[in-house]
Amino acid sequence: MDDLRQENPQFWNWLGHRPAKGAARPGHPDALVAGVTMEDGTPVLGNLEMALMGWTPPDGIYVPEWRR
């Protein structure tokens, strides 16, 4: 089962399972593969951020215009 790991009170990472040793690699030597992993090699499948309606960020915290 996949896991949600809390980074802070509003942000969670959706984690998959660590690949087995010798897991499949791209077939072509010039293939480009990208991914995000935690420090221990666990793949990050996505993120979840909780937004509170009416919440005002503290001074010095940047919030994109589309989120205001």
C-alpha atoms as a PDB file:
ATOM      1  CA  MET A   1       0.000   0.000   0.000  1.00  0.00           C
ATOM      2  CA  ASP A   2       1.214   3.501  -0.784  1.00  0.00           C
ATOM      3  CA  ASP A   3       1.871   5.947   2.032  1.00  0.00           C
ATOM      4  CA  LEU A   4       1.222   9.615   2.866  1.00  0.00           C
ATOM      5  CA  ARG A   5       4.093  11.188   4.796  1.00  0.00           C
ATOM      6  CA  GLN A   6       3.576  14.556   6.465  1.00  0.00           C
ATOM      7  CA  GLU A   7       6.213  17.231   5.757  1.00  0.00           C
ATOM      8  CA  ASN A   8       4.507  20.020   7.722  1.00  0.00           C
ATOM      9  CA  PRO A   9       0.970  20.778   8.991  1.00  0.00           C
ATOM     10  CA  GLN A  10      -0.308  21.622   5.479  1.00  0.00           C
ATOM     11  CA  PHE A  11       1.866  19.495   3.154  1.00  0.00           C
ATOM     12  CA  TRP A  12       1.996  15.727   2.600  1.00  0.00           C
ATOM     13  CA  ASN A  13       3.991  13.545   0.177  1.00  0.00           C
ATOM     14  CA  TRP A  14       2.319  10.563  -1.489  1.00  0.00           C
ATOM     15  CA  LEU A  15       4.977   7.846  -1.523  1.00  0.00           C
ATOM     16  CA  GLY A  16       5.293   4.644  -3.490  1.00  0.00           C
ATOM     17  CA  HIS A  17       7.385   1.572  -2.755  1.00  0.00           C
ATOM     18  CA  ARG A  18      11.162   1.601  -3.073  1.00  0.00           C
ATOM     19  CA  PRO A  19      12.239  -0.197  -6.245  1.00  0.00           C
ATOM     20  CA  ALA A  20      13.784  -3.631  -5.846  1.00  0.00           C
ATOM     21  CA  LYS A  21      17.521  -4.003  -6.374  1.00  0.00           C
ATOM     22  CA  GLY A  22      18.186  -4.379 -10.077  1.00  0.00           C
ATOM     23  CA  ALA A  23      14.745  -3.007 -11.035  1.00  0.00           C
ATOM     24  CA  ALA A  24      14.039  -2.605 -14.742  1.00  0.00           C
ATOM     25  CA  ARG A  25      15.997   0.090 -16.484  1.00  0.00           C
ATOM     26  CA  PRO A  26      15.189   1.889 -19.757  1.00  0.00           C
ATOM     27  CA  GLY A  27      15.939  -0.262 -22.788  1.00  0.00           C
ATOM     28  CA  HIS A  28      17.785   2.431 -24.734  1.00  0.00           C
ATOM     29  CA  PRO A  29      21.122   3.742 -23.400  1.00  0.00           C
ATOM     30  CA  ASP A  30      20.203   7.343 -24.351  1.00  0.00           C
ATOM     31  CA  ALA A  31      16.819   7.240 -22.570  1.00  0.00           C
ATOM     32  CA  LEU A  32      16.058  10.082 -20.181  1.00  0.00           C
ATOM     33  CA  VAL A  33      14.292   9.123 -16.961  1.00  0.00           C
ATOM     34  CA  ALA A  34      13.213  11.655 -14.330  1.00  0.00           C
ATOM     35  CA  GLY A  35      11.688  11.185 -10.922  1.00  0.00           C
ATOM     36  CA  VAL A  36      11.548  12.570  -7.416  1.00  0.00           C
ATOM     37  CA  THR A  37      12.630  10.531  -4.420  1.00  0.00           C
ATOM     38  CA  MET A  38      12.911  10.994  -0.686  1.00  0.00           C
ATOM     39  CA  GLU A  39      16.343  10.867   0.978  1.00  0.00           C
ATOM     40  CA  ASP A  40      16.012   7.094   1.442  1.00  0.00           C
ATOM     41  CA  GLY A  41      15.198   6.451  -2.243  1.00  0.00           C
ATOM     42  CA  THR A  42      11.419   6.087  -1.793  1.00  0.00           C
ATOM     43  CA  PRO A  43       9.679   7.483  -4.901  1.00  0.00           C
ATOM     44  CA  VAL A  44       7.378  10.496  -4.471  1.00  0.00           C
ATOM     45  CA  LEU A  45       4.243   9.894  -6.553  1.00  0.00           C
ATOM     46  CA  GLY A  46       2.576  13.221  -5.759  1.00  0.00           C
ATOM     47  CA  ASN A  47       1.904  15.879  -3.150  1.00  0.00           C
ATOM     48  CA  LEU A  48      -1.100  17.022  -1.171  1.00  0.00           C
ATOM     49  CA  GLU A  49      -1.340  20.540   0.207  1.00  0.00           C
ATOM     50  CA  MET A  50      -4.143  21.592   2.525  1.00  0.00           C
ATOM     51  CA  ALA A  51      -5.305  25.154   1.916  1.00  0.00           C
ATOM     52  CA  LEU A  52      -7.391  26.894   4.534  1.00  0.00           C
ATOM     53  CA  MET A  53     -10.010  29.337   3.283  1.00  0.00           C
ATOM     54  CA  GLY A  54      -9.448  32.768   4.739  1.00  0.00           C
ATOM     55  CA  TRP A  55      -5.938  31.880   5.917  1.00  0.00           C
ATOM     56  CA  THR A  56      -3.497  34.772   5.771  1.00  0.00           C
ATOM     57  CA  PRO A  57       0.170  33.844   5.383  1.00  0.00           C
ATOM     58  CA  PRO A  58       2.692  35.326   7.826  1.00  0.00           C
ATOM     59  CA  ASP A  59       4.827  38.254   6.670  1.00  0.00           C
ATOM     60  CA  GLY A  60       7.645  37.181   4.404  1.00  0.00           C
ATOM     61  CA  ILE A  61       5.819  34.110   3.033  1.00  0.00           C
ATOM     62  CA  TYR A  62       5.276  34.284  -0.729  1.00  0.00           C
ATOM     63  CA  VAL A  63       1.861  33.183  -1.992  1.00  0.00           C
ATOM     64  CA  PRO A  64       1.285  33.160  -5.776  1.00  0.00           C
ATOM     65  CA  GLU A  65      -1.362  35.608  -7.014  1.00  0.00           C
ATOM     66  CA  TRP A  66      -3.651  32.791  -8.207  1.00  0.00           C
ATOM     67  CA  ARG A  67      -3.775  31.402  -4.641  1.00  0.00           C
ATOM     68  CA  ARG A  68      -4.905  34.668  -2.993  1.00  0.00           C
END
